[in-house]
Structures are given as structure tokens and as C-alpha cells.
């Protein structure tokens, strides 16, 4: 059966791009140079501590939801095997750089299935074309079907601590 939209090929190539470490780490330098605002609020840089090393680690992720001014929702495209995800499960105290916030303290929380489903559904409705491609990339990366209902995809909430100063 042919794929007239090309989503299967996009999914395969997208998954390969996600595995390219140098390419995926390039935006970190822009955030560190305080140029993260160039990405708007669709991407954020997450700073977290390595669960074994204790070293500061950084990753740039797509924001799939922004339900409140101090709340951002992200998904782990590599599932529960992603190192940043595993680090957050060990220590949920993080720092977030997004839009006008630079290295703001935040707390991560994995959303229960119902809340994760609602976040994915809202993302799919707001960005249907992006979701079609994102979903296909996720399925190729994880090797399993992704659904907006009863999702096994780890979806996390990052809640900024707006009461603490942010020096670093």
C-alpha cells in the first residue's frame, strides 16, 4: 500500500534525526547564550541533574501544552528510556528556560494517563499537522503505536516556581 502523504517516510527520517546527538544538542547553545527566545514558547530547555553523576544536564524539548502561565507540558519521545526522563523521575527539581524565562526553577511531575491523554488530545486538536508528523516519528522511535487514549507515552508537567529567585 502506498503512502501518498509521505508520513511513513517522514516518521522514519524524523526518528533518525532524533537519534543524531549533535543535531539535537545544537539548540542548547542558543539557550545558553540567552537566545532561547528565538524559539518562542514551542520549545524549552530543561536543566536537570544526572541521577548517577549529579552533573547538570540539558535537553531541548517541544512544549506540547501550556495550560497556565507557570505550567509547561512535555512528552518523552524516547519513552521511559530517555535519560532526561529517568533523571527527572529520580530528582524532579529542575530549571526551565522558555520564552521570557531563563533558568527558572521548576518541579516535574509525570501526568497520570487521563491527564496525559487530555494533553495529547489538546495538542492534536491545536496542531493537527504537527501531531500527524510527531505521532509518526514517535511510533518509529518507540517501535509501537501511540494513541491519544490510554497512552503509554510519558507526559510530564513542569511547574515553574514563581516564588523563588532564579540566580545561577
N, C-alpha and C. Protein backbone atom coordinates (compact mmCIF):
# COMPACT_ATOMS: atom_id res chain seq x y z
N UNK A 1 0.84 -1.18 0.00
CA UNK A 1 0.00 0.00 0.00
C UNK A 1 0.89 1.24 0.00
N UNK A 2 0.59 2.20 -0.86
CA UNK A 2 1.41 3.41 -0.94
C UNK A 2 1.00 4.41 0.13
N UNK A 3 1.89 5.34 0.37
CA UNK A 3 1.67 6.38 1.38
C UNK A 3 1.72 7.73 0.69
N UNK A 4 0.58 8.20 0.15
CA UNK A 4 0.57 9.44 -0.64
C UNK A 4 0.99 10.67 0.16
N UNK A 5 0.80 10.66 1.47
CA UNK A 5 1.17 11.84 2.26
C UNK A 5 2.63 11.84 2.65
N UNK A 6 3.29 10.68 2.55
CA UNK A 6 4.70 10.59 2.90
C UNK A 6 4.95 10.53 4.40
N UNK A 7 3.90 10.32 5.21
CA UNK A 7 4.10 10.33 6.66
C UNK A 7 4.96 9.18 7.14
N UNK A 8 4.94 8.04 6.46
CA UNK A 8 5.79 6.92 6.88
C UNK A 8 7.26 7.29 6.70
N UNK A 9 7.60 7.86 5.56
CA UNK A 9 8.99 8.28 5.31
C UNK A 9 9.38 9.39 6.28
N UNK A 10 8.49 10.33 6.51
CA UNK A 10 8.77 11.41 7.47
C UNK A 10 9.04 10.82 8.84
N UNK A 11 8.23 9.84 9.23
CA UNK A 11 8.42 9.20 10.53
C UNK A 11 9.77 8.53 10.65
N UNK A 12 10.18 7.83 9.61
CA UNK A 12 11.48 7.15 9.63
C UNK A 12 12.63 8.16 9.70
N UNK A 13 12.56 9.19 8.85
CA UNK A 13 13.62 10.19 8.83
C UNK A 13 13.61 11.02 10.11
N UNK A 14 12.44 11.33 10.61
CA UNK A 14 12.33 12.07 11.87
C UNK A 14 12.93 11.30 13.02
N UNK A 15 12.66 10.01 13.07
CA UNK A 15 13.23 9.16 14.13
C UNK A 15 14.76 9.14 14.01
N UNK A 16 15.28 9.07 12.79
CA UNK A 16 16.73 9.08 12.59
C UNK A 16 17.33 10.41 13.05
N UNK A 17 16.66 11.52 12.75
CA UNK A 17 17.14 12.83 13.19
C UNK A 17 17.17 12.93 14.71
N UNK A 18 16.15 12.39 15.37
CA UNK A 18 16.11 12.43 16.83
C UNK A 18 17.27 11.65 17.45
N UNK A 19 17.79 10.71 16.72
CA UNK A 19 18.92 9.92 17.23
C UNK A 19 20.27 10.57 16.93
N UNK A 20 20.27 11.70 16.21
CA UNK A 20 21.50 12.41 15.88
C UNK A 20 21.83 13.36 17.04
N UNK A 21 22.72 12.95 17.90
CA UNK A 21 23.03 13.69 19.12
C UNK A 21 23.51 15.12 18.85
N UNK A 22 24.42 15.29 17.91
CA UNK A 22 24.95 16.63 17.62
C UNK A 22 23.84 17.58 17.17
N UNK A 23 22.97 17.10 16.31
CA UNK A 23 21.87 17.93 15.81
C UNK A 23 20.90 18.29 16.94
N UNK A 24 20.59 17.33 17.78
CA UNK A 24 19.63 17.56 18.86
C UNK A 24 20.20 18.46 19.95
N UNK A 25 21.51 18.52 20.09
CA UNK A 25 22.12 19.33 21.14
C UNK A 25 22.41 20.76 20.67
N UNK A 26 22.36 21.02 19.37
CA UNK A 26 22.68 22.35 18.85
C UNK A 26 21.86 23.48 19.47
N UNK A 27 20.54 23.33 19.67
CA UNK A 27 19.78 24.44 20.26
C UNK A 27 20.18 24.80 21.70
N UNK A 28 20.83 23.87 22.39
CA UNK A 28 21.25 24.16 23.77
C UNK A 28 22.17 25.37 23.81
N UNK A 29 23.06 25.47 22.82
CA UNK A 29 24.00 26.60 22.80
C UNK A 29 23.27 27.92 22.63
N UNK A 30 22.19 27.93 21.87
CA UNK A 30 21.42 29.17 21.73
C UNK A 30 20.75 29.54 23.05
N UNK A 31 20.20 28.56 23.75
CA UNK A 31 19.60 28.84 25.06
C UNK A 31 20.66 29.33 26.04
N UNK A 32 21.81 28.70 26.04
CA UNK A 32 22.87 29.10 26.97
C UNK A 32 23.38 30.50 26.67
N UNK A 33 23.28 30.92 25.41
CA UNK A 33 23.67 32.28 25.02
C UNK A 33 22.52 33.27 25.23
N UNK A 34 21.47 32.81 25.92
CA UNK A 34 20.26 33.61 26.20
C UNK A 34 19.52 34.02 24.93
N UNK A 35 19.56 33.15 23.93
CA UNK A 35 18.85 33.39 22.67
C UNK A 35 17.69 32.41 22.50
N UNK A 36 17.29 31.77 23.58
CA UNK A 36 16.19 30.82 23.54
C UNK A 36 14.87 31.44 23.12
N UNK A 37 14.73 32.74 23.33
CA UNK A 37 13.51 33.43 22.93
C UNK A 37 13.25 33.29 21.43
N UNK A 38 14.30 33.00 20.66
CA UNK A 38 14.13 32.81 19.22
C UNK A 38 13.20 31.64 18.90
N UNK A 39 13.11 30.67 19.83
CA UNK A 39 12.25 29.50 19.64
C UNK A 39 10.83 29.75 20.14
N UNK A 40 10.59 30.90 20.76
CA UNK A 40 9.26 31.19 21.28
C UNK A 40 8.92 30.25 22.42
N UNK A 41 7.64 29.91 22.53
CA UNK A 41 7.22 29.03 23.62
C UNK A 41 6.92 27.61 23.14
N UNK A 42 7.30 27.29 21.90
CA UNK A 42 7.09 25.91 21.39
C UNK A 42 8.20 24.96 21.82
N UNK A 43 9.36 25.51 22.19
CA UNK A 43 10.48 24.71 22.67
C UNK A 43 10.94 25.25 24.01
N UNK A 44 11.54 24.39 24.81
CA UNK A 44 12.13 24.83 26.07
C UNK A 44 13.42 24.06 26.31
N UNK A 45 14.29 24.66 27.14
CA UNK A 45 15.48 23.93 27.56
C UNK A 45 15.26 23.51 29.00
N UNK A 46 15.48 22.24 29.23
CA UNK A 46 15.30 21.64 30.55
C UNK A 46 16.68 21.33 31.13
N UNK A 47 16.97 21.90 32.29
CA UNK A 47 18.22 21.60 33.01
C UNK A 47 17.86 20.68 34.17
N UNK A 48 18.58 19.59 34.29
CA UNK A 48 18.29 18.61 35.33
C UNK A 48 19.60 18.00 35.80
N UNK A 49 19.55 17.26 36.90
CA UNK A 49 20.76 16.63 37.43
C UNK A 49 20.80 15.16 37.04
N UNK A 50 21.98 14.71 36.64
CA UNK A 50 22.17 13.30 36.33
C UNK A 50 21.92 12.48 37.58
N UNK A 51 21.14 11.43 37.46
CA UNK A 51 20.76 10.64 38.63
C UNK A 51 21.94 9.90 39.24
N UNK A 52 22.98 9.61 38.47
CA UNK A 52 24.16 8.92 39.00
C UNK A 52 25.31 9.90 39.23
N UNK A 53 25.54 10.78 38.25
CA UNK A 53 26.69 11.69 38.31
C UNK A 53 26.44 12.93 39.15
N UNK A 54 25.18 13.36 39.22
CA UNK A 54 24.87 14.62 39.89
C UNK A 54 25.23 15.84 39.05
N UNK A 55 25.74 15.62 37.84
CA UNK A 55 26.14 16.71 36.95
C UNK A 55 24.91 17.35 36.31
N UNK A 56 25.01 18.64 36.01
CA UNK A 56 23.93 19.34 35.32
C UNK A 56 23.86 18.84 33.89
N UNK A 57 22.66 18.47 33.45
CA UNK A 57 22.41 18.00 32.10
C UNK A 57 21.37 18.92 31.48
N UNK A 58 21.41 19.04 30.16
CA UNK A 58 20.47 19.91 29.45
C UNK A 58 19.91 19.20 28.23
N UNK A 59 18.64 19.50 27.94
CA UNK A 59 17.99 18.96 26.76
C UNK A 59 16.96 19.98 26.29
N UNK A 60 16.78 20.10 24.98
CA UNK A 60 15.75 20.98 24.42
C UNK A 60 14.60 20.10 23.96
N UNK A 61 13.39 20.46 24.38
CA UNK A 61 12.20 19.65 24.11
C UNK A 61 11.07 20.51 23.56
N UNK A 62 10.17 19.87 22.83
CA UNK A 62 8.98 20.58 22.36
C UNK A 62 7.95 20.66 23.48
N UNK A 63 7.32 21.82 23.58
CA UNK A 63 6.23 22.02 24.53
C UNK A 63 4.96 21.54 23.85
N UNK A 64 4.26 20.58 24.46
CA UNK A 64 3.02 20.11 23.85
C UNK A 64 1.79 20.74 24.51
N UNK A 65 2.01 21.45 25.60
CA UNK A 65 0.90 22.12 26.26
C UNK A 65 1.41 23.21 27.18
N UNK A 66 0.59 24.23 27.35
CA UNK A 66 0.92 25.37 28.22
C UNK A 66 -0.39 25.82 28.88
N UNK A 67 -0.94 24.96 29.79
CA UNK A 67 -2.27 25.21 30.33
C UNK A 67 -2.38 26.39 31.29
N UNK A 68 -1.27 26.88 31.81
CA UNK A 68 -1.26 28.02 32.73
C UNK A 68 0.05 28.77 32.53
N UNK A 69 0.11 30.04 32.94
CA UNK A 69 1.33 30.81 32.71
C UNK A 69 2.60 30.17 33.29
N UNK A 70 2.46 29.42 34.37
CA UNK A 70 3.63 28.82 35.01
C UNK A 70 3.73 27.30 34.81
N UNK A 71 2.99 26.76 33.83
CA UNK A 71 2.97 25.31 33.61
C UNK A 71 3.24 24.99 32.14
N UNK A 72 4.18 24.07 31.93
CA UNK A 72 4.51 23.60 30.58
C UNK A 72 4.39 22.08 30.59
N UNK A 73 3.90 21.52 29.49
CA UNK A 73 3.73 20.08 29.36
C UNK A 73 4.64 19.59 28.24
N UNK A 74 5.38 18.52 28.52
CA UNK A 74 6.31 17.92 27.56
C UNK A 74 6.07 16.42 27.50
N UNK A 75 6.56 15.78 26.45
CA UNK A 75 6.44 14.33 26.30
C UNK A 75 7.82 13.75 26.02
N UNK A 76 8.05 12.54 26.47
CA UNK A 76 9.32 11.87 26.24
C UNK A 76 9.23 11.03 24.97
N UNK A 77 9.79 11.54 23.89
CA UNK A 77 9.75 10.85 22.60
C UNK A 77 10.48 9.52 22.58
N UNK A 78 11.37 9.29 23.53
CA UNK A 78 12.05 8.01 23.64
C UNK A 78 11.48 7.18 24.78
N UNK A 79 10.27 7.55 25.23
CA UNK A 79 9.61 6.79 26.27
C UNK A 79 10.33 6.87 27.59
N UNK A 80 10.18 5.84 28.40
CA UNK A 80 10.78 5.84 29.74
C UNK A 80 12.27 5.52 29.69
N UNK A 81 12.83 5.30 28.50
CA UNK A 81 14.26 5.02 28.38
C UNK A 81 15.09 6.29 28.19
N UNK A 82 14.43 7.42 27.93
CA UNK A 82 15.17 8.68 27.74
C UNK A 82 15.91 9.03 29.03
N UNK A 83 17.17 9.38 28.89
CA UNK A 83 17.98 9.69 30.07
C UNK A 83 17.42 10.87 30.85
N UNK A 84 16.98 11.92 30.14
CA UNK A 84 16.44 13.07 30.86
C UNK A 84 15.20 12.67 31.65
N UNK A 85 14.36 11.81 31.08
CA UNK A 85 13.15 11.36 31.77
C UNK A 85 13.53 10.57 33.03
N UNK A 86 14.48 9.67 32.90
CA UNK A 86 14.92 8.87 34.04
C UNK A 86 15.51 9.76 35.13
N UNK A 87 16.24 10.80 34.72
CA UNK A 87 16.80 11.73 35.69
C UNK A 87 15.70 12.49 36.43
N UNK A 88 14.65 12.89 35.73
CA UNK A 88 13.54 13.61 36.37
C UNK A 88 12.77 12.72 37.32
N UNK A 89 12.66 11.44 37.00
CA UNK A 89 11.97 10.53 37.91
C UNK A 89 12.77 10.35 39.20
N UNK A 90 14.10 10.47 39.11
CA UNK A 90 14.97 10.36 40.29
C UNK A 90 15.01 11.66 41.08
N UNK A 91 14.96 12.80 40.36
CA UNK A 91 15.01 14.12 41.02
C UNK A 91 14.18 15.10 40.20
N UNK A 92 12.96 15.41 40.65
CA UNK A 92 12.06 16.27 39.87
C UNK A 92 12.35 17.77 39.96
N UNK A 93 13.36 18.17 40.73
CA UNK A 93 13.69 19.59 40.81
C UNK A 93 14.57 19.97 39.62
N UNK A 94 14.06 20.86 38.77
CA UNK A 94 14.73 21.19 37.51
C UNK A 94 14.78 22.70 37.32
N UNK A 95 15.35 23.12 36.21
CA UNK A 95 15.32 24.52 35.78
C UNK A 95 14.85 24.52 34.33
N UNK A 96 14.06 25.53 34.00
CA UNK A 96 13.46 25.62 32.67
C UNK A 96 13.77 26.98 32.06
N UNK A 97 14.19 26.97 30.80
CA UNK A 97 14.35 28.20 30.02
C UNK A 97 13.37 28.12 28.86
N UNK A 98 12.46 29.07 28.82
CA UNK A 98 11.45 29.10 27.76
C UNK A 98 10.94 30.52 27.62
N UNK A 99 10.75 30.95 26.39
CA UNK A 99 10.24 32.29 26.09
C UNK A 99 10.98 33.32 26.96
N UNK A 100 10.29 34.01 27.87
CA UNK A 100 10.90 35.05 28.69
C UNK A 100 11.54 34.56 29.98
N UNK A 101 11.48 33.28 30.24
CA UNK A 101 12.07 32.72 31.47
C UNK A 101 13.44 32.14 31.15
N UNK A 102 14.42 32.49 31.98
CA UNK A 102 15.75 31.91 31.81
C UNK A 102 16.14 31.16 33.08
N UNK A 103 16.34 29.88 32.96
CA UNK A 103 16.79 29.03 34.06
C UNK A 103 15.92 29.20 35.31
N UNK A 104 14.62 29.15 35.11
CA UNK A 104 13.67 29.27 36.22
C UNK A 104 13.52 27.93 36.94
N UNK A 105 13.53 27.94 38.28
CA UNK A 105 13.33 26.68 38.99
C UNK A 105 11.93 26.14 38.75
N UNK A 106 11.82 24.82 38.68
CA UNK A 106 10.54 24.19 38.41
C UNK A 106 10.54 22.78 39.02
N UNK A 107 9.36 22.22 39.11
CA UNK A 107 9.20 20.85 39.59
C UNK A 107 8.50 20.05 38.51
N UNK A 108 9.05 18.86 38.22
CA UNK A 108 8.48 17.98 37.20
C UNK A 108 7.57 16.95 37.87
N UNK A 109 6.50 16.60 37.14
CA UNK A 109 5.57 15.58 37.61
C UNK A 109 5.07 14.82 36.40
N UNK A 110 5.15 13.47 36.48
CA UNK A 110 4.58 12.67 35.39
C UNK A 110 3.07 12.71 35.52
N UNK A 111 2.41 12.99 34.40
CA UNK A 111 0.95 13.06 34.41
C UNK A 111 0.36 11.66 34.40
N UNK A 112 -0.69 11.45 35.20
CA UNK A 112 -1.40 10.18 35.11
C UNK A 112 -2.03 10.04 33.72
N UNK A 113 -2.37 8.83 33.35
CA UNK A 113 -2.85 8.54 32.00
C UNK A 113 -3.98 9.46 31.54
N UNK A 114 -4.96 9.72 32.37
CA UNK A 114 -6.08 10.58 31.98
C UNK A 114 -5.62 11.99 31.62
N UNK A 115 -4.74 12.56 32.43
CA UNK A 115 -4.23 13.91 32.16
C UNK A 115 -3.31 13.90 30.93
N UNK A 116 -2.53 12.84 30.77
CA UNK A 116 -1.66 12.72 29.60
C UNK A 116 -2.50 12.63 28.33
N UNK A 117 -3.56 11.84 28.38
CA UNK A 117 -4.47 11.72 27.23
C UNK A 117 -5.06 13.08 26.87
N UNK A 118 -5.50 13.83 27.88
CA UNK A 118 -6.09 15.16 27.64
C UNK A 118 -5.05 16.10 27.01
N UNK A 119 -3.81 16.05 27.48
CA UNK A 119 -2.76 16.90 26.93
C UNK A 119 -2.47 16.54 25.47
N UNK A 120 -2.39 15.25 25.16
CA UNK A 120 -2.14 14.83 23.78
C UNK A 120 -3.30 15.18 22.87
N UNK A 121 -4.52 15.00 23.37
CA UNK A 121 -5.71 15.35 22.58
C UNK A 121 -5.73 16.84 22.28
N UNK A 122 -5.43 17.67 23.28
CA UNK A 122 -5.41 19.12 23.08
C UNK A 122 -4.32 19.50 22.07
N UNK A 123 -3.15 18.87 22.16
CA UNK A 123 -2.08 19.15 21.21
C UNK A 123 -2.50 18.75 19.80
N UNK A 124 -3.12 17.58 19.66
CA UNK A 124 -3.55 17.10 18.34
C UNK A 124 -4.58 18.03 17.72
N UNK A 125 -5.47 18.56 18.54
CA UNK A 125 -6.50 19.49 18.02
C UNK A 125 -5.91 20.84 17.64
N UNK A 126 -4.97 21.32 18.44
CA UNK A 126 -4.37 22.63 18.19
C UNK A 126 -3.37 22.60 17.03
N UNK A 127 -2.66 21.49 16.89
CA UNK A 127 -1.63 21.35 15.86
C UNK A 127 -1.81 20.04 15.09
N UNK A 128 -2.90 19.89 14.32
CA UNK A 128 -3.18 18.60 13.67
C UNK A 128 -2.08 18.12 12.71
N UNK A 129 -1.51 19.02 11.93
CA UNK A 129 -0.45 18.60 11.00
C UNK A 129 0.81 18.22 11.75
N UNK A 130 1.17 19.02 12.75
CA UNK A 130 2.36 18.69 13.54
C UNK A 130 2.15 17.37 14.28
N UNK A 131 0.93 17.15 14.82
CA UNK A 131 0.66 15.90 15.53
C UNK A 131 0.77 14.69 14.60
N UNK A 132 0.27 14.82 13.38
CA UNK A 132 0.35 13.71 12.44
C UNK A 132 1.82 13.31 12.21
N UNK A 133 2.69 14.30 12.08
CA UNK A 133 4.11 14.00 11.87
C UNK A 133 4.77 13.56 13.17
N UNK A 134 4.46 14.25 14.27
CA UNK A 134 5.04 13.94 15.57
C UNK A 134 4.66 12.52 15.99
N UNK A 135 3.40 12.18 15.80
CA UNK A 135 2.90 10.84 16.17
C UNK A 135 3.65 9.77 15.38
N UNK A 136 3.83 10.01 14.09
CA UNK A 136 4.52 9.05 13.24
C UNK A 136 5.99 8.91 13.65
N UNK A 137 6.64 10.02 13.98
CA UNK A 137 8.03 9.99 14.44
C UNK A 137 8.10 9.21 15.75
N UNK A 138 7.17 9.50 16.68
CA UNK A 138 7.15 8.79 17.96
C UNK A 138 6.99 7.29 17.76
N UNK A 139 6.08 6.92 16.90
CA UNK A 139 5.84 5.49 16.66
C UNK A 139 7.08 4.81 16.07
N UNK A 140 7.79 5.52 15.19
CA UNK A 140 9.02 4.96 14.62
C UNK A 140 10.14 4.92 15.65
N UNK A 141 10.19 5.90 16.52
CA UNK A 141 11.22 5.94 17.56
C UNK A 141 10.98 4.87 18.61
N UNK A 142 9.73 4.75 19.07
CA UNK A 142 9.40 3.82 20.14
C UNK A 142 9.13 2.40 19.64
N UNK A 143 8.81 2.28 18.36
CA UNK A 143 8.51 0.96 17.81
C UNK A 143 7.15 0.42 18.22
N UNK A 144 6.25 1.32 18.59
CA UNK A 144 4.90 0.91 18.99
C UNK A 144 3.91 2.02 18.63
N UNK A 145 2.65 1.66 18.52
CA UNK A 145 1.61 2.64 18.19
C UNK A 145 1.40 3.60 19.36
N UNK A 146 1.15 4.85 19.04
CA UNK A 146 0.86 5.88 20.04
C UNK A 146 -0.57 6.34 19.81
N UNK A 147 -1.31 6.46 20.89
CA UNK A 147 -2.70 6.88 20.80
C UNK A 147 -2.95 8.01 21.79
N UNK A 148 -3.97 8.78 21.52
CA UNK A 148 -4.35 9.85 22.44
C UNK A 148 -5.20 9.32 23.59
N UNK A 149 -5.54 8.04 23.54
CA UNK A 149 -6.33 7.41 24.60
C UNK A 149 -5.51 6.30 25.24
N UNK A 150 -5.46 6.29 26.55
CA UNK A 150 -4.69 5.29 27.31
C UNK A 150 -3.24 5.25 26.83
N UNK A 151 -2.66 6.41 26.65
CA UNK A 151 -1.30 6.48 26.13
C UNK A 151 -0.28 5.95 27.13
N UNK A 152 0.70 5.27 26.60
CA UNK A 152 1.82 4.81 27.41
C UNK A 152 2.97 5.80 27.32
N UNK A 153 2.81 6.81 26.47
CA UNK A 153 3.84 7.83 26.28
C UNK A 153 4.00 8.64 27.57
N UNK A 154 5.21 8.73 28.11
CA UNK A 154 5.40 9.55 29.31
C UNK A 154 5.18 11.03 29.00
N UNK A 155 4.21 11.63 29.66
CA UNK A 155 3.91 13.05 29.51
C UNK A 155 4.13 13.68 30.88
N UNK A 156 4.87 14.79 30.90
CA UNK A 156 5.21 15.43 32.17
C UNK A 156 4.79 16.88 32.21
N UNK A 157 4.48 17.31 33.40
CA UNK A 157 4.17 18.72 33.67
C UNK A 157 5.39 19.33 34.34
N UNK A 158 5.78 20.51 33.88
CA UNK A 158 6.83 21.29 34.51
C UNK A 158 6.17 22.53 35.09
N UNK A 159 6.15 22.63 36.41
CA UNK A 159 5.51 23.76 37.07
C UNK A 159 6.60 24.69 37.60
N UNK A 160 6.65 25.91 37.04
CA UNK A 160 7.64 26.89 37.46
C UNK A 160 7.37 27.33 38.89
N UNK A 161 8.44 27.50 39.64
CA UNK A 161 8.34 28.04 41.00
C UNK A 161 8.48 29.55 40.88
N UNK A 162 7.37 30.23 40.85
CA UNK A 162 7.38 31.68 40.64
C UNK A 162 7.70 32.45 41.91
N UNK A 163 7.87 31.75 43.05
CA UNK A 163 8.16 32.46 44.31
C UNK A 163 9.65 32.52 44.61
N UNK A 164 10.46 31.69 43.95
CA UNK A 164 11.89 31.66 44.23
C UNK A 164 12.66 32.56 43.27
N UNK A 165 13.74 33.16 43.77
CA UNK A 165 14.62 33.90 42.85
C UNK A 165 15.32 32.91 41.93
N UNK A 166 15.79 33.37 40.79
CA UNK A 166 16.37 32.45 39.80
C UNK A 166 17.85 32.67 39.53
N UNK A 167 18.64 33.06 40.51
CA UNK A 167 20.07 33.24 40.18
C UNK A 167 20.75 31.91 39.93
N UNK A 168 21.74 31.94 39.07
CA UNK A 168 22.53 30.74 38.81
C UNK A 168 23.73 31.11 38.00
